[in-house]
Amino acid sequence: MRSQIRLGRIAGIEIGLHYSWFIIAFLIGMSLVGEFHSTMPQWSKAVTWSAACVTALLFFVTLLLHELAHSLVAKAKGLKVRAITLFALGGVSQIESEAPNAKTEFWIAIVGPLSSLLIGAICLGVARGIGWTKLTVAQNPVAAVLLWLGYINLTLAVFNMIPGYPLDGGRVLRAIIWFFNKNAVRATQLAARVGQVVAFLFILYGLFRFFTVENFGGVWLAFIGWFLLDASRSSAAQVELMDLLRGRTVADLMERDCPVVPSHLSLYDFVHQLMLRNGRRCYIVVQGDQLVGLITPNEVKHVPAEEWPQTSVQSAMRPVSQLKVVSPETPVVQALEVISRDDINQLPVVAGGRLHGVFSRASVTGFLRNRAELLRR
């Protein structure tokens, strides 16, 4: 999940928001207004709304701290962390590669719930220090905010430790299984099955509450279950795919008969003789047998149509100095990480200054399709 709004960087990690964050932030804020109004009727509207807004914002700060804990441990273990995105169901750390061993996976997974547990304990401790006790209602707005944050973080710590892969608890379970059976893929499959069972239980219990108690909270539980079910299946499939591709190089999967266009061709001829006729979107630009750039509809559209006859492909292309390229010996898994990290569709495969082919997501899709068809025979 990518950020639509970037907030900055912490420890070199990009922090951002997905648009869905605003929906859940609004819903949490409104529910807090209702909760504070019912439990603290003596508060003025200004105090109630202020407390609700501050609590909602601090809640997302604690979610960010939870994800930062995952990311910082991952970085300490030598993994690259691209970004943290806050969205409707919480936050996600975009770690570019899988943990290399079970111990690393365990510590990356467990540190999130531990951080939420620590945050919750600190909030409750500070609330107690300014006068709140278990036998009294927090009358002080600061104590009320801390009290809510304390309990919700303790709840998050417990929820995240549910062994439902890919929740933190499911990743801890995967790490434990991995440690004993020494097989990361098998451990992922077993943890994912447990996660799917947990997800089905969430869905069934949510539907039961909705139809018997007539509580819309049941719909929310069912939605969480559906999300976990989908995430569990997707995560397991991704790990299995990476295992299947491990050991293969770009040369094994790349497209060798990629479309090539000479740099001197005019954009008008390029568009009407090539792009509009064969439906290809990406072309390698060459001078002789040397790669000089790449051109797609994105580059063409930046040139006004009336200038196409007088503009060469070379003038509009993205030069090779701006391209991400790989060698034929590059591992497929590494090439896919580059494509995902830089959000690009294809990588020219270059060695000795000469183009050998093009590697793309379609290369992997074609390999998997052919393999599936052969296995069905």
Protein backbone atom coordinates (compact mmCIF):
# COMPACT_ATOMS: atom_id res chain seq x y z
CA MET A 1 0.00 0.00 0.00
CA ARG A 2 1.49 3.33 -1.09
CA SER A 3 1.15 6.74 0.54
CA GLN A 4 -0.82 9.45 -1.23
CA ILE A 5 0.26 12.13 1.24
CA ARG A 6 3.87 12.28 2.40
CA LEU A 7 4.51 13.64 5.87
CA GLY A 8 8.31 13.48 6.01
CA ARG A 9 11.02 11.08 7.11
CA ILE A 10 12.03 9.53 10.40
CA ALA A 11 15.38 7.71 10.57
CA GLY A 12 15.47 7.72 6.78
CA ILE A 13 12.02 6.08 6.52
CA GLU A 14 9.34 7.91 4.54
CA ILE A 15 6.13 8.46 6.52
CA GLY A 16 2.84 8.94 4.69
CA LEU A 17 -0.92 8.66 4.71
CA HIS A 18 -3.28 6.69 2.50
CA TYR A 19 -6.52 8.52 1.68
CA SER A 20 -8.49 5.93 3.66
CA TRP A 21 -6.81 7.25 6.82
CA PHE A 22 -9.07 10.31 6.77
CA ILE A 23 -12.17 8.11 6.86
CA ILE A 24 -11.13 6.18 9.95
CA ALA A 25 -9.72 9.31 11.61
CA PHE A 26 -13.11 11.00 11.18
CA LEU A 27 -14.99 7.96 12.50
CA ILE A 28 -12.71 7.62 15.53
CA GLY A 29 -12.98 11.33 16.26
CA MET A 30 -16.78 11.26 16.11
CA SER A 31 -17.00 8.16 18.29
CA LEU A 32 -14.72 9.79 20.87
CA VAL A 33 -16.92 12.88 20.90
CA GLY A 34 -19.91 10.68 21.67
CA GLU A 35 -18.01 8.72 24.32
CA PHE A 36 -16.64 11.78 26.11
CA HIS A 37 -20.03 13.51 25.94
CA SER A 38 -21.79 10.54 27.57
CA THR A 39 -19.16 9.90 30.27
CA MET A 40 -18.25 13.54 30.94
CA PRO A 41 -21.49 15.52 30.50
CA GLN A 42 -20.05 18.36 32.60
CA TRP A 43 -17.45 19.14 29.94
CA SER A 44 -18.16 22.03 27.57
CA LYS A 45 -18.46 21.33 23.85
CA ALA A 46 -15.08 22.94 23.26
CA VAL A 47 -13.39 20.66 25.80
CA THR A 48 -15.18 17.57 24.47
CA TRP A 49 -14.23 18.23 20.85
CA SER A 50 -10.68 19.23 21.73
CA ALA A 51 -10.15 16.08 23.81
CA ALA A 52 -11.59 13.92 21.02
CA CYS A 53 -9.40 15.48 18.32
CA VAL A 54 -6.24 15.30 20.43
CA THR A 55 -6.97 11.69 21.38
CA ALA A 56 -7.56 10.67 17.75
CA LEU A 57 -4.30 12.30 16.63
CA LEU A 58 -2.30 10.77 19.49
CA PHE A 59 -3.83 7.39 18.68
CA PHE A 60 -2.34 7.55 15.20
CA VAL A 61 0.96 8.71 16.69
CA THR A 62 0.99 5.52 18.78
CA LEU A 63 0.20 3.47 15.64
CA LEU A 64 3.15 5.16 13.95
CA LEU A 65 5.38 4.30 16.90
CA HIS A 66 4.21 0.68 16.63
CA GLU A 67 5.21 0.55 12.96
CA LEU A 68 8.44 2.43 13.61
CA ALA A 69 9.40 -0.25 16.11
CA HIS A 70 9.01 -2.90 13.38
CA SER A 71 10.93 -0.79 10.86
CA LEU A 72 13.81 0.20 13.13
CA VAL A 73 14.42 -3.39 14.20
CA ALA A 74 14.29 -4.45 10.54
CA LYS A 75 16.88 -1.78 9.66
CA ALA A 76 19.04 -2.86 12.60
CA LYS A 77 18.93 -6.40 11.18
CA GLY A 78 20.16 -5.17 7.81
CA LEU A 79 16.85 -5.02 5.92
CA LYS A 80 15.84 -2.02 3.83
CA VAL A 81 12.66 -0.21 4.88
CA ARG A 82 11.11 1.99 2.22
CA ALA A 83 8.18 3.63 4.00
CA ILE A 84 5.47 3.49 6.63
CA THR A 85 1.90 4.15 5.52
CA LEU A 86 -1.03 4.83 7.85
CA PHE A 87 -4.37 3.71 6.41
CA ALA A 88 -7.91 2.78 7.44
CA LEU A 89 -6.97 -0.39 9.34
CA GLY A 90 -3.84 0.96 11.03
CA GLY A 91 -0.36 1.08 9.57
CA VAL A 92 1.99 -0.96 7.42
CA SER A 93 5.79 -0.99 7.19
CA GLN A 94 7.05 -1.51 3.65
CA ILE A 95 10.10 -3.72 4.23
CA GLU A 96 11.71 -4.48 0.88
CA SER A 97 12.77 -8.07 1.55
CA GLU A 98 11.90 -11.04 3.71
CA ALA A 99 13.72 -11.73 6.95
CA PRO A 100 16.75 -13.96 6.28
CA ASN A 101 16.14 -16.24 9.26
CA ALA A 102 13.59 -17.16 11.93
CA LYS A 103 15.21 -15.13 14.72
CA THR A 104 15.13 -11.93 12.68
CA GLU A 105 11.49 -12.56 11.74
CA PHE A 106 10.62 -13.15 15.41
CA TRP A 107 12.15 -9.92 16.69
CA ILE A 108 10.75 -7.78 13.88
CA ALA A 109 7.27 -9.19 14.58
CA ILE A 110 7.27 -9.16 18.38
CA VAL A 111 8.60 -5.64 18.84
CA GLY A 112 5.36 -4.06 17.55
CA PRO A 113 3.04 -5.54 20.20
CA LEU A 114 5.71 -4.93 22.85
CA SER A 115 5.85 -1.25 21.89
CA SER A 116 2.04 -0.95 22.09
CA LEU A 117 2.13 -2.70 25.48
CA LEU A 118 4.78 -0.24 26.71
CA ILE A 119 2.89 2.79 25.36
CA GLY A 120 -0.32 1.58 27.03
CA ALA A 121 1.42 1.05 30.36
CA ILE A 122 3.06 4.49 30.22
CA CYS A 123 -0.26 6.21 29.41
CA LEU A 124 -2.06 4.49 32.28
CA GLY A 125 0.85 5.20 34.61
CA VAL A 126 0.85 8.92 33.79
CA ALA A 127 -2.97 9.06 34.15
CA ARG A 128 -2.65 7.47 37.58
CA GLY A 129 0.09 9.94 38.47
CA ILE A 130 -2.20 12.93 37.82
CA GLY A 131 -5.02 11.61 39.97
CA TRP A 132 -6.93 8.85 38.16
CA THR A 133 -7.68 5.64 40.06
CA LYS A 134 -9.46 2.46 38.99
CA LEU A 135 -12.37 3.32 41.28
CA THR A 136 -12.97 6.77 39.79
CA VAL A 137 -13.88 8.24 36.40
CA ALA A 138 -11.19 10.44 34.85
CA GLN A 139 -12.63 13.93 35.20
CA ASN A 140 -9.47 15.67 34.02
CA PRO A 141 -9.39 15.88 30.18
CA VAL A 142 -5.69 15.02 30.12
CA ALA A 143 -6.28 11.96 32.30
CA ALA A 144 -9.26 10.93 30.13
CA VAL A 145 -7.16 11.15 26.96
CA LEU A 146 -4.33 9.15 28.53
CA LEU A 147 -6.77 6.60 29.90
CA TRP A 148 -8.32 5.95 26.49
CA LEU A 149 -4.89 5.77 24.81
CA GLY A 150 -3.65 3.40 27.50
CA TYR A 151 -6.51 0.94 27.17
CA ILE A 152 -6.62 1.06 23.36
CA ASN A 153 -2.87 0.37 23.09
CA LEU A 154 -3.13 -2.55 25.49
CA THR A 155 -6.01 -3.84 23.37
CA LEU A 156 -3.94 -3.42 20.20
CA ALA A 157 -1.05 -5.31 21.77
CA VAL A 158 -3.36 -8.23 22.59
CA PHE A 159 -5.14 -8.09 19.22
CA ASN A 160 -1.88 -8.07 17.28
CA MET A 161 -0.68 -11.16 19.12
CA ILE A 162 -3.62 -13.22 17.81
CA PRO A 163 -1.91 -15.96 15.75
CA GLY A 164 -3.56 -14.84 12.54
CA TYR A 165 -0.94 -14.44 9.81
CA PRO A 166 -0.05 -11.75 8.69
CA LEU A 167 -0.83 -10.12 12.06
CA ASP A 168 2.22 -9.77 14.29
CA GLY A 169 1.12 -12.81 16.28
CA GLY A 170 0.90 -14.81 13.07
CA ARG A 171 4.42 -13.72 12.12
CA VAL A 172 5.66 -14.74 15.56
CA LEU A 173 4.02 -18.14 15.02
CA ARG A 174 5.65 -18.37 11.60
CA ALA A 175 9.04 -17.56 13.10
CA ILE A 176 8.64 -20.24 15.77
CA ILE A 177 7.61 -22.89 13.23
CA TRP A 178 10.42 -21.76 10.92
CA PHE A 179 12.96 -22.06 13.76
CA PHE A 180 12.03 -25.70 14.37
CA ASN A 181 11.35 -26.99 10.84
CA LYS A 182 14.04 -24.89 9.06
CA ASN A 183 11.65 -24.33 6.13
CA ALA A 184 10.43 -20.74 5.66
CA VAL A 185 7.86 -21.60 2.98
CA ARG A 186 6.34 -24.49 4.94
CA ALA A 187 6.26 -22.31 8.07
CA THR A 188 4.45 -19.59 6.11
CA GLN A 189 1.90 -22.07 4.78
CA LEU A 190 1.13 -23.40 8.26
CA ALA A 191 0.91 -19.91 9.80
CA ALA A 192 -1.30 -18.78 6.92
CA ARG A 193 -3.72 -21.70 7.51
CA VAL A 194 -3.99 -20.73 11.17
CA GLY A 195 -4.56 -17.14 10.04
CA GLN A 196 -7.35 -18.22 7.70
CA VAL A 197 -9.06 -20.13 10.51
CA VAL A 198 -8.83 -17.05 12.75
CA ALA A 199 -10.19 -14.90 9.91
CA PHE A 200 -13.18 -17.23 9.39
CA LEU A 201 -13.91 -17.10 13.14
CA PHE A 202 -13.89 -13.30 13.01
CA ILE A 203 -16.30 -13.33 10.06
CA LEU A 204 -18.68 -15.85 11.66
CA TYR A 205 -18.67 -14.11 15.03
CA GLY A 206 -19.17 -10.72 13.40
CA LEU A 207 -22.15 -11.96 11.37
CA PHE A 208 -23.57 -13.68 14.45
CA ARG A 209 -23.42 -10.44 16.44
CA PHE A 210 -24.95 -8.47 13.60
CA PHE A 211 -27.96 -10.77 13.15
CA THR A 212 -28.56 -11.58 16.85
CA VAL A 213 -27.55 -8.44 18.74
CA GLU A 214 -28.26 -6.16 15.77
CA ASN A 215 -24.95 -4.50 16.43
CA PHE A 216 -23.07 -2.85 13.57
CA GLY A 217 -19.89 -3.63 15.48
CA GLY A 218 -20.44 -7.15 14.16
CA VAL A 219 -20.10 -5.85 10.61
CA TRP A 220 -16.78 -4.29 11.58
CA LEU A 221 -15.56 -7.61 13.01
CA ALA A 222 -16.63 -9.42 9.86
CA PHE A 223 -14.82 -6.83 7.74
CA ILE A 224 -11.63 -7.29 9.78
CA GLY A 225 -11.97 -11.05 9.30
CA TRP A 226 -12.37 -10.64 5.55
CA PHE A 227 -9.32 -8.37 5.45
CA LEU A 228 -7.24 -10.90 7.43
CA LEU A 229 -8.39 -13.73 5.17
CA ASP A 230 -7.39 -11.88 2.02
CA ALA A 231 -4.09 -10.66 3.52
CA SER A 232 -3.22 -14.15 4.76
CA ARG A 233 -3.77 -15.72 1.35
CA SER A 234 -1.87 -12.95 -0.44
CA SER A 235 1.09 -13.04 1.95
CA ALA A 236 1.41 -16.81 1.72
CA ALA A 237 1.20 -16.69 -2.09
CA GLN A 238 3.89 -14.00 -2.22
CA VAL A 239 6.30 -16.02 -0.07
CA GLU A 240 5.68 -19.14 -2.19
CA LEU A 241 6.27 -17.11 -5.35
CA MET A 242 9.56 -15.71 -4.07
CA ASP A 243 10.69 -19.22 -3.17
CA LEU A 244 9.82 -20.45 -6.67
CA LEU A 245 11.79 -17.60 -8.27
CA ARG A 246 14.76 -17.84 -5.93
CA GLY A 247 17.83 -19.09 -7.77
CA ARG A 248 16.62 -17.84 -11.15
CA THR A 249 18.26 -14.92 -12.92
CA VAL A 250 16.86 -12.19 -15.12
CA ALA A 251 18.34 -13.95 -18.16
CA ASP A 252 16.03 -16.92 -17.51
CA LEU A 253 12.83 -14.87 -17.75
CA MET A 254 13.59 -11.72 -19.71
CA GLU A 255 11.94 -10.93 -23.04
CA ARG A 256 14.61 -11.12 -25.73
CA ASP A 257 12.61 -9.95 -28.75
CA CYS A 258 11.71 -6.59 -27.19
CA PRO A 259 10.62 -3.82 -29.58
CA VAL A 260 13.45 -1.51 -30.59
CA VAL A 261 13.16 1.89 -32.25
CA PRO A 262 15.99 3.93 -33.84
CA SER A 263 16.74 7.20 -32.11
CA HIS A 264 16.45 9.29 -35.31
CA LEU A 265 12.83 8.26 -36.06
CA SER A 266 10.30 11.09 -35.76
CA LEU A 267 7.67 10.90 -33.05
CA TYR A 268 4.96 11.10 -35.73
CA ASP A 269 6.25 8.01 -37.52
CA PHE A 270 6.92 6.25 -34.22
CA VAL A 271 3.34 6.77 -33.00
CA HIS A 272 1.53 5.99 -36.25
CA GLN A 273 3.76 3.23 -37.65
CA LEU A 274 4.60 1.41 -34.46
CA MET A 275 2.76 2.34 -31.28
CA LEU A 276 -0.77 2.56 -32.70
CA ARG A 277 -0.35 -0.55 -34.87
CA ASN A 278 1.07 -3.20 -32.57
CA GLY A 279 -0.28 -2.00 -29.21
CA ARG A 280 3.12 -2.12 -27.49
CA ARG A 281 3.64 0.55 -24.84
CA CYS A 282 7.36 0.34 -24.15
CA TYR A 283 10.17 0.67 -26.72
CA ILE A 284 13.91 0.56 -26.33
CA VAL A 285 15.70 3.38 -28.17
CA VAL A 286 19.02 2.50 -29.81
CA GLN A 287 21.79 4.12 -31.82
CA GLY A 288 23.27 1.30 -33.85
CA ASP A 289 23.40 -1.51 -31.29
CA GLN A 290 23.85 0.75 -28.27
CA LEU A 291 21.04 1.37 -25.79
CA VAL A 292 20.43 5.12 -25.43
CA GLY A 293 17.02 5.32 -23.78
CA LEU A 294 13.43 4.17 -23.43
CA ILE A 295 10.17 5.66 -24.67
CA THR A 296 6.56 5.03 -23.64
CA PRO A 297 3.28 6.93 -24.13
CA ASN A 298 4.16 8.86 -20.99
CA GLU A 299 7.14 10.49 -22.73
CA VAL A 300 5.23 11.06 -26.00
CA LYS A 301 2.33 12.90 -24.36
CA HIS A 302 4.69 15.58 -23.05
CA VAL A 303 5.31 16.72 -26.64
CA PRO A 304 2.46 18.61 -28.39
CA ALA A 305 1.04 16.58 -31.30
CA GLU A 306 1.75 19.36 -33.81
CA GLU A 307 5.47 19.05 -32.98
CA TRP A 308 5.68 15.29 -33.54
CA PRO A 309 6.86 15.46 -37.21
CA GLN A 310 9.82 17.71 -36.26
CA THR A 311 10.72 15.90 -33.00
CA SER A 312 12.90 12.80 -32.93
CA VAL A 313 12.38 9.88 -30.60
CA GLN A 314 15.75 10.70 -29.01
CA SER A 315 14.52 14.18 -28.06
CA ALA A 316 11.49 12.79 -26.23
CA MET A 317 12.86 9.58 -24.75
CA ARG A 318 14.00 8.96 -21.18
CA PRO A 319 17.81 8.72 -21.52
CA VAL A 320 19.67 5.68 -20.28
CA SER A 321 21.27 7.76 -17.50
CA GLN A 322 17.79 8.06 -15.94
CA LEU A 323 16.89 4.39 -16.34
CA LYS A 324 17.15 1.59 -13.86
CA VAL A 325 18.96 -1.25 -15.59
CA VAL A 326 19.97 -4.76 -14.54
CA SER A 327 22.46 -7.28 -15.82
CA PRO A 328 21.51 -10.75 -17.13
CA GLU A 329 22.99 -12.29 -13.95
CA THR A 330 20.78 -10.25 -11.59
CA PRO A 331 18.58 -12.53 -9.44
CA VAL A 332 14.89 -12.32 -10.37
CA VAL A 333 13.91 -11.61 -6.75
CA GLN A 334 16.28 -8.63 -6.65
CA ALA A 335 14.95 -7.29 -9.97
CA LEU A 336 11.37 -7.53 -8.69
CA GLU A 337 12.38 -5.58 -5.57
CA VAL A 338 13.72 -2.80 -7.84
CA ILE A 339 10.49 -2.75 -9.86
CA SER A 340 8.39 -2.58 -6.70
CA ARG A 341 10.58 -0.02 -4.92
CA ASP A 342 10.77 2.41 -7.85
CA ASP A 343 7.24 1.70 -9.13
CA ILE A 344 8.37 0.97 -12.69
CA ASN A 345 7.04 -1.53 -15.20
CA GLN A 346 10.16 -2.79 -16.96
CA LEU A 347 13.93 -3.01 -16.59
CA PRO A 348 16.28 -3.01 -19.58
CA VAL A 349 18.79 -5.86 -19.29
CA VAL A 350 22.20 -4.50 -20.25
CA ALA A 351 25.71 -5.94 -20.33
CA GLY A 352 28.76 -4.33 -21.90
CA GLY A 353 26.65 -1.36 -22.99
CA ARG A 354 24.47 -3.59 -25.17
CA LEU A 355 20.80 -4.41 -24.72
CA HIS A 356 20.12 -8.11 -24.11
CA GLY A 357 16.42 -7.93 -23.33
CA VAL A 358 13.75 -6.44 -21.09
CA PHE A 359 12.60 -7.79 -17.74
CA SER A 360 9.12 -6.89 -16.42
CA ARG A 361 6.28 -8.10 -14.26
CA ALA A 362 4.86 -9.60 -17.45
CA SER A 363 8.01 -11.73 -17.73
CA VAL A 364 7.24 -13.31 -14.37
CA THR A 365 3.53 -13.67 -15.18
CA GLY A 366 4.34 -15.44 -18.44
CA PHE A 367 6.76 -17.81 -16.70
CA LEU A 368 4.18 -18.70 -14.06
CA ARG A 369 1.45 -19.20 -16.66
CA ASN A 370 3.62 -21.52 -18.74
CA ARG A 371 4.68 -23.46 -15.66
CA ALA A 372 1.07 -23.89 -14.51
CA GLU A 373 0.00 -25.17 -17.93
CA LEU A 374 2.86 -27.69 -18.06
CA LEU A 375 2.06 -28.96 -14.55
CA ARG A 376 -1.57 -29.57 -15.54
CA ARG A 377 -0.56 -32.09 -18.23
